[in-house]
Amino acid sequence: MLRWLTILLLCQWLGELAVTVSGLAVPGPVVGMLLLLIGLLMLGQEPSELGAVADGLLQHLSLLFVPAGVGVMQHLGIIRLQWAPLLGVVILGTIITMLATGWVMQWLQTDSDEPAP
């Protein structure tokens, strides 16, 4: 279990490092998750220990939002000044996400309706 937690943290660190070195405008943890995905695809399976670590993290997911909440409170002045663009981005992002999710669901259901050969 400690091994997979270490691997998760290593992937996140490598993602942060890659973003810092390359200057990409992508969060480091996203790059880290892509690295983890590539590693799991190369492995060809999801180890059960990784699932246990992920379940443990999900049980305490609310604790992971504390730093984000603190960051919002630290930048409340900026948010007050830029509330209209932020609100627009949140609404537009929500609409795009809902449309994309609906499209993917329809696509997946269409493919699963076909009988297997």
PDB file of N, CA and C in Angstrom:
ATOM      1  N   MET A   1       0.827  -1.197   0.000  1.00  0.00           N
ATOM      2  CA  MET A   1       0.000   0.000   0.000  1.00  0.00           C
ATOM      3  C   MET A   1       0.875   1.266   0.000  1.00  0.00           C
ATOM      4  N   LEU A   2       1.914   1.262   0.828  1.00  0.00           N
ATOM      5  CA  LEU A   2       2.820   2.402   0.884  1.00  0.00           C
ATOM      6  C   LEU A   2       3.552   2.578  -0.451  1.00  0.00           C
ATOM      7  N   ARG A   3       3.818   1.469  -1.112  1.00  0.00           N
ATOM      8  CA  ARG A   3       4.491   1.517  -2.417  1.00  0.00           C
ATOM      9  C   ARG A   3       3.661   2.298  -3.431  1.00  0.00           C
ATOM     10  N   TRP A   4       2.349   2.021  -3.488  1.00  0.00           N
ATOM     11  CA  TRP A   4       1.503   2.669  -4.479  1.00  0.00           C
ATOM     12  C   TRP A   4       1.219   4.120  -4.101  1.00  0.00           C
ATOM     13  N   LEU A   5       1.146   4.415  -2.815  1.00  0.00           N
ATOM     14  CA  LEU A   5       0.997   5.808  -2.405  1.00  0.00           C
ATOM     15  C   LEU A   5       2.243   6.598  -2.815  1.00  0.00           C
ATOM     16  N   THR A   6       3.391   5.985  -2.657  1.00  0.00           N
ATOM     17  CA  THR A   6       4.641   6.619  -3.081  1.00  0.00           C
ATOM     18  C   THR A   6       4.664   6.829  -4.593  1.00  0.00           C
ATOM     19  N   ILE A   7       4.188   5.845  -5.337  1.00  0.00           N
ATOM     20  CA  ILE A   7       4.137   5.971  -6.802  1.00  0.00           C
ATOM     21  C   ILE A   7       3.192   7.100  -7.208  1.00  0.00           C
ATOM     22  N   LEU A   8       2.032   7.208  -6.539  1.00  0.00           N
ATOM     23  CA  LEU A   8       1.105   8.300  -6.841  1.00  0.00           C
ATOM     24  C   LEU A   8       1.751   9.657  -6.584  1.00  0.00           C
ATOM     25  N   LEU A   9       2.412   9.785  -5.435  1.00  0.00           N
ATOM     26  CA  LEU A   9       3.069  11.051  -5.116  1.00  0.00           C
ATOM     27  C   LEU A   9       4.231  11.330  -6.065  1.00  0.00           C
ATOM     28  N   LEU A  10       4.941  10.301  -6.469  1.00  0.00           N
ATOM     29  CA  LEU A  10       6.033  10.462  -7.425  1.00  0.00           C
ATOM     30  C   LEU A  10       5.502  10.935  -8.778  1.00  0.00           C
ATOM     31  N   CYS A  11       4.386  10.373  -9.212  1.00  0.00           N
ATOM     32  CA  CYS A  11       3.786  10.813 -10.477  1.00  0.00           C
ATOM     33  C   CYS A  11       3.370  12.282 -10.395  1.00  0.00           C
ATOM     34  N   GLN A  12       2.788  12.676  -9.257  1.00  0.00           N
ATOM     35  CA  GLN A  12       2.403  14.070  -9.098  1.00  0.00           C
ATOM     36  C   GLN A  12       3.642  14.966  -9.108  1.00  0.00           C
ATOM     37  N   TRP A  13       4.690  14.561  -8.415  1.00  0.00           N
ATOM     38  CA  TRP A  13       5.909  15.357  -8.375  1.00  0.00           C
ATOM     39  C   TRP A  13       6.523  15.481  -9.761  1.00  0.00           C
ATOM     40  N   LEU A  14       6.560  14.364 -10.497  1.00  0.00           N
ATOM     41  CA  LEU A  14       7.107  14.405 -11.859  1.00  0.00           C
ATOM     42  C   LEU A  14       6.268  15.309 -12.756  1.00  0.00           C
ATOM     43  N   GLY A  15       4.951  15.288 -12.555  1.00  0.00           N
ATOM     44  CA  GLY A  15       4.080  16.186 -13.310  1.00  0.00           C
ATOM     45  C   GLY A  15       4.363  17.642 -13.003  1.00  0.00           C
ATOM     46  N   GLU A  16       4.531  17.951 -11.708  1.00  0.00           N
ATOM     47  CA  GLU A  16       4.877  19.325 -11.311  1.00  0.00           C
ATOM     48  C   GLU A  16       6.224  19.740 -11.905  1.00  0.00           C
ATOM     49  N   LEU A  17       7.171  18.829 -11.867  1.00  0.00           N
ATOM     50  CA  LEU A  17       8.503  19.100 -12.416  1.00  0.00           C
ATOM     51  C   LEU A  17       8.422  19.358 -13.924  1.00  0.00           C
ATOM     52  N   ALA A  18       7.670  18.517 -14.624  1.00  0.00           N
ATOM     53  CA  ALA A  18       7.534  18.672 -16.078  1.00  0.00           C
ATOM     54  C   ALA A  18       6.891  20.011 -16.436  1.00  0.00           C
ATOM     55  N   VAL A  19       5.884  20.420 -15.664  1.00  0.00           N
ATOM     56  CA  VAL A  19       5.219  21.700 -15.932  1.00  0.00           C
ATOM     57  C   VAL A  19       6.160  22.864 -15.634  1.00  0.00           C
ATOM     58  N   THR A  20       6.910  22.761 -14.547  1.00  0.00           N
ATOM     59  CA  THR A  20       7.841  23.828 -14.184  1.00  0.00           C
ATOM     60  C   THR A  20       8.948  23.973 -15.228  1.00  0.00           C
ATOM     61  N   VAL A  21       9.490  22.854 -15.672  1.00  0.00           N
ATOM     62  CA  VAL A  21      10.588  22.889 -16.642  1.00  0.00           C
ATOM     63  C   VAL A  21      10.101  23.343 -18.011  1.00  0.00           C
ATOM     64  N   SER A  22       8.939  22.837 -18.437  1.00  0.00           N
ATOM     65  CA  SER A  22       8.462  23.135 -19.791  1.00  0.00           C
ATOM     66  C   SER A  22       7.659  24.422 -19.889  1.00  0.00           C
ATOM     67  N   GLY A  23       7.118  24.884 -18.769  1.00  0.00           N
ATOM     68  CA  GLY A  23       6.301  26.095 -18.803  1.00  0.00           C
ATOM     69  C   GLY A  23       4.902  25.863 -19.342  1.00  0.00           C
ATOM     70  N   LEU A  24       4.463  24.624 -19.376  1.00  0.00           N
ATOM     71  CA  LEU A  24       3.113  24.310 -19.848  1.00  0.00           C
ATOM     72  C   LEU A  24       2.068  25.000 -18.975  1.00  0.00           C
ATOM     73  N   ALA A  25       0.953  25.362 -19.572  1.00  0.00           N
ATOM     74  CA  ALA A  25      -0.136  25.976 -18.823  1.00  0.00           C
ATOM     75  C   ALA A  25      -1.134  24.912 -18.390  1.00  0.00           C
ATOM     76  N   VAL A  26      -0.630  23.827 -17.853  1.00  0.00           N
ATOM     77  CA  VAL A  26      -1.452  22.703 -17.394  1.00  0.00           C
ATOM     78  C   VAL A  26      -1.044  22.420 -15.954  1.00  0.00           C
ATOM     79  N   PRO A  27      -2.009  22.118 -15.076  1.00  0.00           N
ATOM     80  CA  PRO A  27      -1.626  21.798 -13.699  1.00  0.00           C
ATOM     81  C   PRO A  27      -0.717  20.566 -13.637  1.00  0.00           C
ATOM     82  N   GLY A  28       0.264  20.612 -12.760  1.00  0.00           N
ATOM     83  CA  GLY A  28       1.196  19.505 -12.591  1.00  0.00           C
ATOM     84  C   GLY A  28       0.520  18.186 -12.258  1.00  0.00           C
ATOM     85  N   PRO A  29      -0.492  18.171 -11.369  1.00  0.00           N
ATOM     86  CA  PRO A  29      -1.155  16.904 -11.064  1.00  0.00           C
ATOM     87  C   PRO A  29      -1.841  16.265 -12.280  1.00  0.00           C
ATOM     88  N   VAL A  30      -2.293  17.094 -13.222  1.00  0.00           N
ATOM     89  CA  VAL A  30      -2.905  16.535 -14.438  1.00  0.00           C
ATOM     90  C   VAL A  30      -1.848  15.809 -15.259  1.00  0.00           C
ATOM     91  N   VAL A  31      -0.689  16.416 -15.396  1.00  0.00           N
ATOM     92  CA  VAL A  31       0.410  15.765 -16.110  1.00  0.00           C
ATOM     93  C   VAL A  31       0.833  14.501 -15.365  1.00  0.00           C
ATOM     94  N   GLY A  32       0.854  14.576 -14.034  1.00  0.00           N
ATOM     95  CA  GLY A  32       1.182  13.399 -13.227  1.00  0.00           C
ATOM     96  C   GLY A  32       0.201  12.267 -13.429  1.00  0.00           C
ATOM     97  N   MET A  33      -1.087  12.592 -13.532  1.00  0.00           N
ATOM     98  CA  MET A  33      -2.089  11.552 -13.776  1.00  0.00           C
ATOM     99  C   MET A  33      -1.915  10.937 -15.160  1.00  0.00           C
ATOM    100  N   LEU A  34      -1.523  11.756 -16.125  1.00  0.00           N
ATOM    101  CA  LEU A  34      -1.237  11.207 -17.453  1.00  0.00           C
ATOM    102  C   LEU A  34      -0.048  10.260 -17.401  1.00  0.00           C
ATOM    103  N   LEU A  35       0.964  10.619 -16.623  1.00  0.00           N
ATOM    104  CA  LEU A  35       2.110   9.722 -16.456  1.00  0.00           C
ATOM    105  C   LEU A  35       1.681   8.415 -15.793  1.00  0.00           C
ATOM    106  N   LEU A  36       0.817   8.500 -14.785  1.00  0.00           N
ATOM    107  CA  LEU A  36       0.304   7.296 -14.132  1.00  0.00           C
ATOM    108  C   LEU A  36      -0.489   6.456 -15.123  1.00  0.00           C
ATOM    109  N   LEU A  37      -1.332   7.099 -15.938  1.00  0.00           N
ATOM    110  CA  LEU A  37      -2.105   6.377 -16.938  1.00  0.00           C
ATOM    111  C   LEU A  37      -1.194   5.651 -17.919  1.00  0.00           C
ATOM    112  N   ILE A  38      -0.165   6.324 -18.381  1.00  0.00           N
ATOM    113  CA  ILE A  38       0.786   5.695 -19.306  1.00  0.00           C
ATOM    114  C   ILE A  38       1.443   4.487 -18.641  1.00  0.00           C
ATOM    115  N   GLY A  39       1.840   4.657 -17.386  1.00  0.00           N
ATOM    116  CA  GLY A  39       2.450   3.542 -16.656  1.00  0.00           C
ATOM    117  C   GLY A  39       1.509   2.358 -16.496  1.00  0.00           C
ATOM    118  N   LEU A  40       0.239   2.645 -16.193  1.00  0.00           N
ATOM    119  CA  LEU A  40      -0.734   1.558 -16.037  1.00  0.00           C
ATOM    120  C   LEU A  40      -1.033   0.884 -17.369  1.00  0.00           C
ATOM    121  N   LEU A  41      -1.064   1.663 -18.447  1.00  0.00           N
ATOM    122  CA  LEU A  41      -1.272   1.065 -19.773  1.00  0.00           C
ATOM    123  C   LEU A  41      -0.103   0.161 -20.138  1.00  0.00           C
ATOM    124  N   MET A  42       1.104   0.571 -19.776  1.00  0.00           N
ATOM    125  CA  MET A  42       2.267  -0.268 -20.049  1.00  0.00           C
ATOM    126  C   MET A  42       2.230  -1.528 -19.180  1.00  0.00           C
ATOM    127  N   LEU A  43       1.725  -1.397 -17.963  1.00  0.00           N
ATOM    128  CA  LEU A  43       1.602  -2.543 -17.070  1.00  0.00           C
ATOM    129  C   LEU A  43       0.513  -3.500 -17.549  1.00  0.00           C
ATOM    130  N   GLY A  44      -0.535  -2.945 -18.160  1.00  0.00           N
ATOM    131  CA  GLY A  44      -1.595  -3.762 -18.716  1.00  0.00           C
ATOM    132  C   GLY A  44      -2.704  -4.135 -17.755  1.00  0.00           C
ATOM    133  N   GLN A  45      -2.634  -3.640 -16.525  1.00  0.00           N
ATOM    134  CA  GLN A  45      -3.683  -3.944 -15.556  1.00  0.00           C
ATOM    135  C   GLN A  45      -3.642  -2.920 -14.429  1.00  0.00           C
ATOM    136  N   GLU A  46      -4.717  -2.916 -13.641  1.00  0.00           N
ATOM    137  CA  GLU A  46      -4.751  -2.059 -12.461  1.00  0.00           C
ATOM    138  C   GLU A  46      -4.454  -2.927 -11.248  1.00  0.00           C
ATOM    139  N   PRO A  47      -3.362  -2.684 -10.581  1.00  0.00           N
ATOM    140  CA  PRO A  47      -3.048  -3.473  -9.386  1.00  0.00           C
ATOM    141  C   PRO A  47      -4.086  -3.244  -8.287  1.00  0.00           C
ATOM    142  N   SER A  48      -4.474  -4.301  -7.587  1.00  0.00           N
ATOM    143  CA  SER A  48      -5.493  -4.182  -6.543  1.00  0.00           C
ATOM    144  C   SER A  48      -5.024  -3.262  -5.419  1.00  0.00           C
ATOM    145  N   GLU A  49      -3.714  -3.238  -5.147  1.00  0.00           N
ATOM    146  CA  GLU A  49      -3.203  -2.358  -4.098  1.00  0.00           C
ATOM    147  C   GLU A  49      -3.422  -0.889  -4.457  1.00  0.00           C
ATOM    148  N   LEU A  50      -3.314  -0.562  -5.739  1.00  0.00           N
ATOM    149  CA  LEU A  50      -3.551   0.808  -6.180  1.00  0.00           C
ATOM    150  C   LEU A  50      -5.013   1.174  -5.963  1.00  0.00           C
ATOM    151  N   GLY A  51      -5.900   0.231  -6.229  1.00  0.00           N
ATOM    152  CA  GLY A  51      -7.326   0.466  -5.971  1.00  0.00           C
ATOM    153  C   GLY A  51      -7.598   0.731  -4.500  1.00  0.00           C
ATOM    154  N   ALA A  52      -6.917   0.008  -3.620  1.00  0.00           N
ATOM    155  CA  ALA A  52      -7.091   0.212  -2.179  1.00  0.00           C
ATOM    156  C   ALA A  52      -6.592   1.595  -1.759  1.00  0.00           C
ATOM    157  N   VAL A  53      -5.461   2.017  -2.319  1.00  0.00           N
ATOM    158  CA  VAL A  53      -4.932   3.351  -2.009  1.00  0.00           C
ATOM    159  C   VAL A  53      -5.891   4.422  -2.513  1.00  0.00           C
ATOM    160  N   ALA A  54      -6.401   4.248  -3.719  1.00  0.00           N
ATOM    161  CA  ALA A  54      -7.341   5.218  -4.283  1.00  0.00           C
ATOM    162  C   ALA A  54      -8.609   5.288  -3.446  1.00  0.00           C
ATOM    163  N   ASP A  55      -9.116   4.139  -2.997  1.00  0.00           N
ATOM    164  CA  ASP A  55     -10.309   4.137  -2.149  1.00  0.00           C
ATOM    165  C   ASP A  55     -10.043   4.877  -0.843  1.00  0.00           C
ATOM    166  N   GLY A  56      -8.872   4.668  -0.267  1.00  0.00           N
ATOM    167  CA  GLY A  56      -8.520   5.375   0.961  1.00  0.00           C
ATOM    168  C   GLY A  56      -8.460   6.876   0.768  1.00  0.00           C
ATOM    169  N   LEU A  57      -7.897   7.322  -0.366  1.00  0.00           N
ATOM    170  CA  LEU A  57      -7.853   8.752  -0.652  1.00  0.00           C
ATOM    171  C   LEU A  57      -9.259   9.311  -0.873  1.00  0.00           C
ATOM    172  N   LEU A  58     -10.099   8.557  -1.553  1.00  0.00           N
ATOM    173  CA  LEU A  58     -11.466   9.015  -1.813  1.00  0.00           C
ATOM    174  C   LEU A  58     -12.282   9.123  -0.534  1.00  0.00           C
ATOM    175  N   GLN A  59     -12.010   8.268   0.447  1.00  0.00           N
ATOM    176  CA  GLN A  59     -12.727   8.350   1.717  1.00  0.00           C
ATOM    177  C   GLN A  59     -12.425   9.659   2.440  1.00  0.00           C
ATOM    178  N   HIS A  60     -11.263  10.235   2.190  1.00  0.00           N
ATOM    179  CA  HIS A  60     -10.863  11.475   2.849  1.00  0.00           C
ATOM    180  C   HIS A  60     -10.735  12.621   1.848  1.00  0.00           C
ATOM    181  N   LEU A  61     -11.538  12.568   0.797  1.00  0.00           N
ATOM    182  CA  LEU A  61     -11.456  13.555  -0.279  1.00  0.00           C
ATOM    183  C   LEU A  61     -11.717  14.974   0.219  1.00  0.00           C
ATOM    184  N   SER A  62     -12.601  15.128   1.199  1.00  0.00           N
ATOM    185  CA  SER A  62     -12.916  16.476   1.686  1.00  0.00           C
ATOM    186  C   SER A  62     -11.680  17.177   2.242  1.00  0.00           C
ATOM    187  N   LEU A  63     -10.752  16.426   2.818  1.00  0.00           N
ATOM    188  CA  LEU A  63      -9.525  17.043   3.337  1.00  0.00           C
ATOM    189  C   LEU A  63      -8.664  17.625   2.224  1.00  0.00           C
ATOM    190  N   LEU A  64      -8.768  17.039   1.033  1.00  0.00           N
ATOM    191  CA  LEU A  64      -7.961  17.520  -0.080  1.00  0.00           C
ATOM    192  C   LEU A  64      -8.465  18.860  -0.627  1.00  0.00           C
ATOM    193  N   PHE A  65      -9.690  19.264  -0.246  1.00  0.00           N
ATOM    194  CA  PHE A  65     -10.231  20.540  -0.700  1.00  0.00           C
ATOM    195  C   PHE A  65      -9.844  21.695   0.218  1.00  0.00           C
ATOM    196  N   VAL A  66      -9.272  21.407   1.375  1.00  0.00           N
ATOM    197  CA  VAL A  66      -8.883  22.466   2.307  1.00  0.00           C
ATOM    198  C   VAL A  66      -7.867  23.422   1.668  1.00  0.00           C
ATOM    199  N   PRO A  67      -6.784  22.942   1.042  1.00  0.00           N
ATOM    200  CA  PRO A  67      -5.846  23.897   0.419  1.00  0.00           C
ATOM    201  C   PRO A  67      -6.497  24.756  -0.662  1.00  0.00           C
ATOM    202  N   ALA A  68      -7.418  24.184  -1.421  1.00  0.00           N
ATOM    203  CA  ALA A  68      -8.102  24.967  -2.457  1.00  0.00           C
ATOM    204  C   ALA A  68      -8.966  26.046  -1.824  1.00  0.00           C
ATOM    205  N   GLY A  69      -9.652  25.712  -0.756  1.00  0.00           N
ATOM    206  CA  GLY A  69     -10.472  26.698  -0.047  1.00  0.00           C
ATOM    207  C   GLY A  69      -9.631  27.819   0.539  1.00  0.00           C
ATOM    208  N   VAL A  70      -8.479  27.474   1.080  1.00  0.00           N
ATOM    209  CA  VAL A  70      -7.571  28.485   1.621  1.00  0.00           C
ATOM    210  C   VAL A  70      -7.070  29.392   0.500  1.00  0.00           C
ATOM    211  N   GLY A  71      -6.766  28.801  -0.649  1.00  0.00           N
ATOM    212  CA  GLY A  71      -6.319  29.598  -1.794  1.00  0.00           C
ATOM    213  C   GLY A  71      -7.391  30.571  -2.259  1.00  0.00           C
ATOM    214  N   VAL A  72      -8.637  30.146  -2.268  1.00  0.00           N
ATOM    215  CA  VAL A  72      -9.733  31.034  -2.659  1.00  0.00           C
ATOM    216  C   VAL A  72      -9.838  32.187  -1.670  1.00  0.00           C
ATOM    217  N   MET A  73      -9.741  31.876  -0.389  1.00  0.00           N
ATOM    218  CA  MET A  73      -9.851  32.932   0.626  1.00  0.00           C
ATOM    219  C   MET A  73      -8.676  33.919   0.538  1.00  0.00           C
ATOM    220  N   GLN A  74      -7.493  33.437   0.189  1.00  0.00           N
ATOM    221  CA  GLN A  74      -6.339  34.325   0.063  1.00  0.00           C
ATOM    222  C   GLN A  74      -6.488  35.283  -1.118  1.00  0.00           C
ATOM    223  N   HIS A  75      -7.190  34.863  -2.144  1.00  0.00           N
ATOM    224  CA  HIS A  75      -7.316  35.676  -3.353  1.00  0.00           C
ATOM    225  C   HIS A  75      -8.727  36.234  -3.514  1.00  0.00           C
ATOM    226  N   LEU A  76      -9.417  36.436  -2.405  1.00  0.00           N
ATOM    227  CA  LEU A  76     -10.789  36.929  -2.454  1.00  0.00           C
ATOM    228  C   LEU A  76     -10.862  38.315  -3.098  1.00  0.00           C
ATOM    229  N   GLY A  77      -9.853  39.143  -2.896  1.00  0.00           N
ATOM    230  CA  GLY A  77      -9.846  40.472  -3.514  1.00  0.00           C
ATOM    231  C   GLY A  77      -9.838  40.396  -5.028  1.00  0.00           C
ATOM    232  N   ILE A  78      -9.049  39.493  -5.581  1.00  0.00           N
ATOM    233  CA  ILE A  78      -9.000  39.311  -7.034  1.00  0.00           C
ATOM    234  C   ILE A  78     -10.329  38.766  -7.538  1.00  0.00           C
ATOM    235  N   ILE A  79     -10.899  37.852  -6.769  1.00  0.00           N
ATOM    236  CA  ILE A  79     -12.181  37.266  -7.174  1.00  0.00           C
ATOM    237  C   ILE A  79     -13.270  38.334  -7.177  1.00  0.00           C
ATOM    238  N   ARG A  80     -13.243  39.243  -6.198  1.00  0.00           N
ATOM    239  CA  ARG A  80     -14.224  40.329  -6.165  1.00  0.00           C
ATOM    240  C   ARG A  80     -14.108  41.214  -7.401  1.00  0.00           C
ATOM    241  N   LEU A  81     -12.884  41.471  -7.843  1.00  0.00           N
ATOM    242  CA  LEU A  81     -12.672  42.330  -9.009  1.00  0.00           C
ATOM    243  C   LEU A  81     -13.036  41.631 -10.318  1.00  0.00           C
ATOM    244  N   GLN A  82     -12.869  40.320 -10.371  1.00  0.00           N
ATOM    245  CA  GLN A  82     -13.051  39.572 -11.621  1.00  0.00           C
ATOM    246  C   GLN A  82     -14.245  38.622 -11.553  1.00  0.00           C
ATOM    247  N   TRP A  83     -15.281  38.949 -10.778  1.00  0.00           N
ATOM    248  CA  TRP A  83     -16.372  38.010 -10.567  1.00  0.00           C
ATOM    249  C   TRP A  83     -17.150  37.719 -11.855  1.00  0.00           C
ATOM    250  N   ALA A  84     -17.333  38.709 -12.706  1.00  0.00           N
ATOM    251  CA  ALA A  84     -18.137  38.493 -13.923  1.00  0.00           C
ATOM    252  C   ALA A  84     -17.453  37.513 -14.886  1.00  0.00           C
ATOM    253  N   PRO A  85     -16.163  37.715 -15.214  1.00  0.00           N
ATOM    254  CA  PRO A  85     -15.523  36.733 -16.099  1.00  0.00           C
ATOM    255  C   PRO A  85     -15.463  35.336 -15.474  1.00  0.00           C
ATOM    256  N   LEU A  86     -15.219  35.280 -14.159  1.00  0.00           N
ATOM    257  CA  LEU A  86     -15.182  33.980 -13.491  1.00  0.00           C
ATOM    258  C   LEU A  86     -16.528  33.283 -13.561  1.00  0.00           C
ATOM    259  N   LEU A  87     -17.601  34.035 -13.309  1.00  0.00           N
ATOM    260  CA  LEU A  87     -18.941  33.451 -13.383  1.00  0.00           C
ATOM    261  C   LEU A  87     -19.239  32.959 -14.797  1.00  0.00           C
ATOM    262  N   GLY A  88     -18.844  33.758 -15.797  1.00  0.00           N
ATOM    263  CA  GLY A  88     -19.058  33.346 -17.185  1.00  0.00           C
ATOM    264  C   GLY A  88     -18.314  32.068 -17.527  1.00  0.00           C
ATOM    265  N   VAL A  89     -17.067  31.968 -17.077  1.00  0.00           N
ATOM    266  CA  VAL A  89     -16.269  30.774 -17.352  1.00  0.00           C
ATOM    267  C   VAL A  89     -16.867  29.556 -16.660  1.00  0.00           C
ATOM    268  N   VAL A  90     -17.333  29.724 -15.425  1.00  0.00           N
ATOM    269  CA  VAL A  90     -17.931  28.602 -14.699  1.00  0.00           C
ATOM    270  C   VAL A  90     -19.203  28.129 -15.406  1.00  0.00           C
ATOM    271  N   ILE A  91     -20.052  29.063 -15.811  1.00  0.00           N
ATOM    272  CA  ILE A  91     -21.299  28.686 -16.496  1.00  0.00           C
ATOM    273  C   ILE A  91     -20.990  28.044 -17.844  1.00  0.00           C
ATOM    274  N   LEU A  92     -20.102  28.650 -18.622  1.00  0.00           N
ATOM    275  CA  LEU A  92     -19.744  28.094 -19.934  1.00  0.00           C
ATOM    276  C   LEU A  92     -19.089  26.726 -19.782  1.00  0.00           C
ATOM    277  N   GLY A  93     -18.187  26.599 -18.826  1.00  0.00           N
ATOM    278  CA  GLY A  93     -17.531  25.309 -18.589  1.00  0.00           C
ATOM    279  C   GLY A  93     -18.516  24.229 -18.185  1.00  0.00           C
ATOM    280  N   THR A  94     -19.506  24.598 -17.359  1.00  0.00           N
ATOM    281  CA  THR A  94     -20.526  23.634 -16.948  1.00  0.00           C
ATOM    282  C   THR A  94     -21.351  23.178 -18.136  1.00  0.00           C
ATOM    283  N   ILE A  95     -21.743  24.107 -18.979  1.00  0.00           N
ATOM    284  CA  ILE A  95     -22.544  23.761 -20.164  1.00  0.00           C
ATOM    285  C   ILE A  95     -21.747  22.857 -21.105  1.00  0.00           C
ATOM    286  N   ILE A  96     -20.500  23.212 -21.359  1.00  0.00           N
ATOM    287  CA  ILE A  96     -19.657  22.399 -22.247  1.00  0.00           C
ATOM    288  C   ILE A  96     -19.460  21.005 -21.668  1.00  0.00           C
ATOM    289  N   THR A  97     -19.236  20.919 -20.361  1.00  0.00           N
ATOM    290  CA  THR A  97     -19.045  19.620 -19.711  1.00  0.00           C
ATOM    291  C   THR A  97     -20.307  18.769 -19.808  1.00  0.00           C
ATOM    292  N   MET A  98     -21.461  19.380 -19.577  1.00  0.00           N
ATOM    293  CA  MET A  98     -22.719  18.623 -19.662  1.00  0.00           C
ATOM    294  C   MET A  98     -22.965  18.129 -21.087  1.00  0.00           C
ATOM    295  N   LEU A  99     -22.706  18.982 -22.077  1.00  0.00           N
ATOM    296  CA  LEU A  99     -22.893  18.574 -23.465  1.00  0.00           C
ATOM    297  C   LEU A  99     -21.927  17.447 -23.844  1.00  0.00           C
ATOM    298  N   ALA A 100     -20.671  17.582 -23.453  1.00  0.00           N
ATOM    299  CA  ALA A 100     -19.675  16.551 -23.774  1.00  0.00           C
ATOM    300  C   ALA A 100     -20.027  15.238 -23.080  1.00  0.00           C
ATOM    301  N   THR A 101     -20.456  15.308 -21.830  1.00  0.00           N
ATOM    302  CA  THR A 101     -20.838  14.094 -21.104  1.00  0.00           C
ATOM    303  C   THR A 101     -22.032  13.418 -21.764  1.00  0.00           C
ATOM    304  N   GLY A 102     -23.025  14.200 -22.146  1.00  0.00           N
ATOM    305  CA  GLY A 102     -24.193  13.637 -22.832  1.00  0.00           C
ATOM    306  C   GLY A 102     -23.818  12.995 -24.156  1.00  0.00           C
ATOM    307  N   TRP A 103     -22.930  13.655 -24.916  1.00  0.00           N
ATOM    308  CA  TRP A 103     -22.498  13.114 -26.202  1.00  0.00           C
ATOM    309  C   TRP A 103     -21.751  11.791 -26.003  1.00  0.00           C
ATOM    310  N   VAL A 104     -20.852  11.750 -25.033  1.00  0.00           N
ATOM    311  CA  VAL A 104     -20.096  10.517 -24.770  1.00  0.00           C
ATOM    312  C   VAL A 104     -21.033   9.407 -24.315  1.00  0.00           C
ATOM    313  N   MET A 105     -22.011   9.727 -23.460  1.00  0.00           N
ATOM    314  CA  MET A 105     -22.970   8.705 -23.006  1.00  0.00           C
ATOM    315  C   MET A 105     -23.760   8.141 -24.194  1.00  0.00           C
ATOM    316  N   GLN A 106     -24.237   9.012 -25.062  1.00  0.00           N
ATOM    317  CA  GLN A 106     -24.969   8.542 -26.239  1.00  0.00           C
ATOM    318  C   GLN A 106     -24.077   7.687 -27.118  1.00  0.00           C
ATOM    319  N   TRP A 107     -22.843   8.093 -27.304  1.00  0.00           N
ATOM    320  CA  TRP A 107     -21.904   7.345 -28.126  1.00  0.00           C
ATOM    321  C   TRP A 107     -21.634   5.973 -27.525  1.00  0.00           C
ATOM    322  N   LEU A 108     -21.426   5.915 -26.208  1.00  0.00           N
ATOM    323  CA  LEU A 108     -21.176   4.639 -25.545  1.00  0.00           C
ATOM    324  C   LEU A 108     -22.399   3.725 -25.587  1.00  0.00           C
ATOM    325  N   GLN A 109     -23.590   4.279 -25.419  1.00  0.00           N
ATOM    326  CA  GLN A 109     -24.803   3.470 -25.472  1.00  0.00           C
ATOM    327  C   GLN A 109     -25.072   2.961 -26.882  1.00  0.00           C
ATOM    328  N   THR A 110     -24.746   3.753 -27.887  1.00  0.00           N
ATOM    329  CA  THR A 110     -24.938   3.316 -29.261  1.00  0.00           C
ATOM    330  C   THR A 110     -24.011   2.140 -29.578  1.00  0.00           C
ATOM    331  N   ASP A 111     -22.765   2.221 -29.123  1.00  0.00           N
ATOM    332  CA  ASP A 111     -21.827   1.148 -29.358  1.00  0.00           C
ATOM    333  C   ASP A 111     -22.189  -0.120 -28.598  1.00  0.00           C
ATOM    334  N   SER A 112     -22.766   0.048 -27.383  1.00  0.00           N
ATOM    335  CA  SER A 112     -23.082  -1.140 -26.579  1.00  0.00           C
ATOM    336  C   SER A 112     -24.374  -1.810 -27.018  1.00  0.00           C
ATOM    337  N   ASP A 113     -25.212  -1.122 -27.826  1.00  0.00           N
ATOM    338  CA  ASP A 113     -26.462  -1.721 -28.304  1.00  0.00           C
ATOM    339  C   ASP A 113     -26.225  -2.760 -29.389  1.00  0.00           C
ATOM    340  N   GLU A 114     -25.066  -2.689 -30.042  1.00  0.00           N
ATOM    341  CA  GLU A 114     -24.773  -3.624 -31.117  1.00  0.00           C
ATOM    342  C   GLU A 114     -24.411  -4.985 -30.523  1.00  0.00           C
ATOM    343  N   PRO A 115     -24.908  -6.048 -31.099  1.00  0.00           N
ATOM    344  CA  PRO A 115     -24.586  -7.391 -30.576  1.00  0.00           C
ATOM    345  C   PRO A 115     -23.122  -7.731 -30.806  1.00  0.00           C
ATOM    346  N   ALA A 116     -22.576  -8.455 -29.862  1.00  0.00           N
ATOM    347  CA  ALA A 116     -21.180  -8.897 -29.981  1.00  0.00           C
ATOM    348  C   ALA A 116     -21.068  -9.995 -31.029  1.00  0.00           C
ATOM    349  N   PRO A 117     -19.968 -10.011 -31.819  1.00  0.00           N
ATOM    350  CA  PRO A 117     -19.823 -11.032 -32.875  1.00  0.00           C
ATOM    351  C   PRO A 117     -19.537 -12.397 -32.304  1.00  0.00           C
TER     352      PRO A 117
END
